[in-house]
Amino acid sequence: MAKNENRQFIGLKCSRCGKQIRPTTKNKKNTPDKLEIKKYCSTCHQVTVFKETKIGK
């Protein structure tokens, strides 16, 4: 199976408390800007904005 070089591993970090959730991937060709997603934060107990961060391999 061919390796997709456009997929990039990223982390998501809560903008309110700073908790980082599990790594995910994004297609850097389709979304070159930093990702911002509204998700539920289990530490804050509410829906907050999660921003993209780099993760170490």
N, C-alpha and C. Protein backbone atom coordinates (compact mmCIF):
# COMPACT_ATOMS: atom_id res chain seq x y z
N MET A 1 0.84 -1.18 0.00
CA MET A 1 0.00 0.00 0.00
C MET A 1 0.89 1.24 0.00
N ALA A 2 0.53 2.22 -0.77
CA ALA A 2 1.34 3.42 -0.91
C ALA A 2 1.24 4.30 0.34
N LYS A 3 2.36 4.92 0.68
CA LYS A 3 2.39 5.82 1.83
C LYS A 3 1.94 7.21 1.38
N ASN A 4 0.98 7.79 2.11
CA ASN A 4 0.48 9.11 1.76
C ASN A 4 1.34 10.16 2.44
N GLU A 5 2.13 10.89 1.68
CA GLU A 5 3.05 11.87 2.23
C GLU A 5 2.39 13.20 2.55
N ASN A 6 1.12 13.38 2.18
CA ASN A 6 0.42 14.62 2.49
C ASN A 6 -0.17 14.61 3.89
N ARG A 7 -0.30 13.42 4.51
CA ARG A 7 -0.85 13.31 5.87
C ARG A 7 0.25 13.66 6.87
N GLN A 8 -0.11 14.47 7.85
CA GLN A 8 0.85 14.93 8.85
C GLN A 8 0.25 14.71 10.24
N PHE A 9 1.05 14.16 11.18
CA PHE A 9 0.60 13.95 12.54
C PHE A 9 0.63 15.27 13.30
N ILE A 10 -0.47 15.57 14.01
CA ILE A 10 -0.56 16.79 14.82
C ILE A 10 -1.19 16.45 16.15
N GLY A 11 -1.04 17.34 17.11
CA GLY A 11 -1.73 17.22 18.38
C GLY A 11 -2.74 18.34 18.51
N LEU A 12 -3.72 18.16 19.36
CA LEU A 12 -4.72 19.20 19.61
C LEU A 12 -4.63 19.61 21.07
N LYS A 13 -4.56 20.93 21.32
CA LYS A 13 -4.40 21.46 22.68
C LYS A 13 -5.54 22.41 22.99
N CYS A 14 -6.13 22.25 24.19
CA CYS A 14 -7.24 23.09 24.63
C CYS A 14 -6.73 24.52 24.82
N SER A 15 -7.45 25.48 24.29
CA SER A 15 -7.02 26.88 24.41
C SER A 15 -7.33 27.46 25.78
N ARG A 16 -8.18 26.77 26.55
CA ARG A 16 -8.55 27.28 27.87
C ARG A 16 -7.66 26.72 28.99
N CYS A 17 -7.57 25.40 29.09
CA CYS A 17 -6.79 24.79 30.18
C CYS A 17 -5.41 24.31 29.75
N GLY A 18 -5.19 24.10 28.46
CA GLY A 18 -3.89 23.67 27.96
C GLY A 18 -3.71 22.17 27.89
N LYS A 19 -4.77 21.40 28.14
CA LYS A 19 -4.68 19.94 28.07
C LYS A 19 -4.53 19.52 26.62
N GLN A 20 -3.58 18.61 26.37
CA GLN A 20 -3.36 18.11 25.02
C GLN A 20 -4.02 16.75 24.89
N ILE A 21 -4.80 16.57 23.80
CA ILE A 21 -5.48 15.30 23.59
C ILE A 21 -4.72 14.47 22.57
N ARG A 22 -5.20 13.29 22.29
CA ARG A 22 -4.49 12.32 21.47
C ARG A 22 -4.10 12.88 20.10
N PRO A 23 -3.02 12.35 19.55
CA PRO A 23 -2.59 12.82 18.23
C PRO A 23 -3.60 12.45 17.15
N THR A 24 -3.65 13.26 16.13
CA THR A 24 -4.53 13.02 15.00
C THR A 24 -3.75 13.38 13.74
N THR A 25 -4.35 13.22 12.59
CA THR A 25 -3.68 13.55 11.34
C THR A 25 -4.50 14.57 10.57
N LYS A 26 -3.80 15.29 9.72
CA LYS A 26 -4.50 16.20 8.81
C LYS A 26 -3.79 16.15 7.47
N ASN A 27 -4.48 16.53 6.42
CA ASN A 27 -3.90 16.59 5.10
C ASN A 27 -3.35 17.99 4.91
N LYS A 28 -2.01 18.13 4.88
CA LYS A 28 -1.40 19.45 4.79
C LYS A 28 -1.58 20.09 3.42
N LYS A 29 -1.96 19.31 2.41
CA LYS A 29 -2.22 19.88 1.09
C LYS A 29 -3.57 20.59 1.06
N ASN A 30 -4.59 19.99 1.71
CA ASN A 30 -5.93 20.58 1.72
C ASN A 30 -6.09 21.66 2.78
N THR A 31 -5.41 21.52 3.93
CA THR A 31 -5.52 22.47 5.03
C THR A 31 -4.13 22.93 5.46
N PRO A 32 -3.53 23.87 4.75
CA PRO A 32 -2.17 24.31 5.09
C PRO A 32 -2.11 25.17 6.35
N ASP A 33 -3.23 25.80 6.74
CA ASP A 33 -3.26 26.64 7.93
C ASP A 33 -3.40 25.76 9.17
N LYS A 34 -3.18 26.39 10.35
CA LYS A 34 -3.33 25.65 11.61
C LYS A 34 -4.81 25.33 11.83
N LEU A 35 -5.05 24.16 12.36
CA LEU A 35 -6.39 23.66 12.60
C LEU A 35 -6.95 24.22 13.90
N GLU A 36 -8.22 24.60 13.91
CA GLU A 36 -8.94 25.01 15.11
C GLU A 36 -10.28 24.31 15.11
N ILE A 37 -10.50 23.45 16.10
CA ILE A 37 -11.71 22.63 16.17
C ILE A 37 -12.37 22.82 17.52
N LYS A 38 -13.70 22.92 17.52
CA LYS A 38 -14.44 22.95 18.79
C LYS A 38 -14.70 21.52 19.21
N LYS A 39 -14.21 21.16 20.41
CA LYS A 39 -14.39 19.82 20.96
C LYS A 39 -14.71 19.93 22.44
N TYR A 40 -15.20 18.83 23.02
CA TYR A 40 -15.49 18.79 24.45
C TYR A 40 -14.19 18.48 25.20
N CYS A 41 -13.87 19.30 26.20
CA CYS A 41 -12.70 19.11 27.04
C CYS A 41 -13.16 18.49 28.36
N SER A 42 -12.59 17.33 28.71
CA SER A 42 -13.00 16.64 29.93
C SER A 42 -12.48 17.36 31.18
N THR A 43 -11.45 18.18 31.07
CA THR A 43 -10.94 18.93 32.21
C THR A 43 -11.79 20.16 32.48
N CYS A 44 -12.15 20.89 31.43
CA CYS A 44 -12.97 22.10 31.56
C CYS A 44 -14.46 21.79 31.69
N HIS A 45 -14.88 20.60 31.28
CA HIS A 45 -16.29 20.17 31.28
C HIS A 45 -17.17 21.07 30.42
N GLN A 46 -16.62 21.49 29.28
CA GLN A 46 -17.40 22.27 28.31
C GLN A 46 -16.73 22.20 26.96
N VAL A 47 -17.44 22.66 25.94
CA VAL A 47 -16.90 22.68 24.59
C VAL A 47 -16.00 23.91 24.45
N THR A 48 -14.75 23.68 24.06
CA THR A 48 -13.78 24.76 23.89
C THR A 48 -13.09 24.61 22.54
N VAL A 49 -12.29 25.59 22.16
CA VAL A 49 -11.54 25.56 20.92
C VAL A 49 -10.23 24.84 21.17
N PHE A 50 -9.95 23.83 20.35
CA PHE A 50 -8.68 23.11 20.38
C PHE A 50 -7.85 23.58 19.19
N LYS A 51 -6.59 23.93 19.46
CA LYS A 51 -5.70 24.41 18.41
C LYS A 51 -4.62 23.38 18.12
N GLU A 52 -4.14 23.41 16.90
CA GLU A 52 -3.12 22.46 16.44
C GLU A 52 -1.77 22.75 17.10
N THR A 53 -1.09 21.68 17.51
CA THR A 53 0.29 21.77 18.01
C THR A 53 1.12 20.68 17.38
N LYS A 54 2.42 20.84 17.41
CA LYS A 54 3.31 19.80 16.91
C LYS A 54 3.45 18.71 17.96
N ILE A 55 3.68 17.49 17.51
CA ILE A 55 3.93 16.39 18.44
C ILE A 55 5.27 15.78 18.07
N GLY A 56 5.96 15.29 19.08
CA GLY A 56 7.24 14.62 18.83
C GLY A 56 7.01 13.18 18.42
N LYS A 57 7.89 12.66 17.56
CA LYS A 57 7.73 11.29 17.08
C LYS A 57 8.46 10.34 17.98
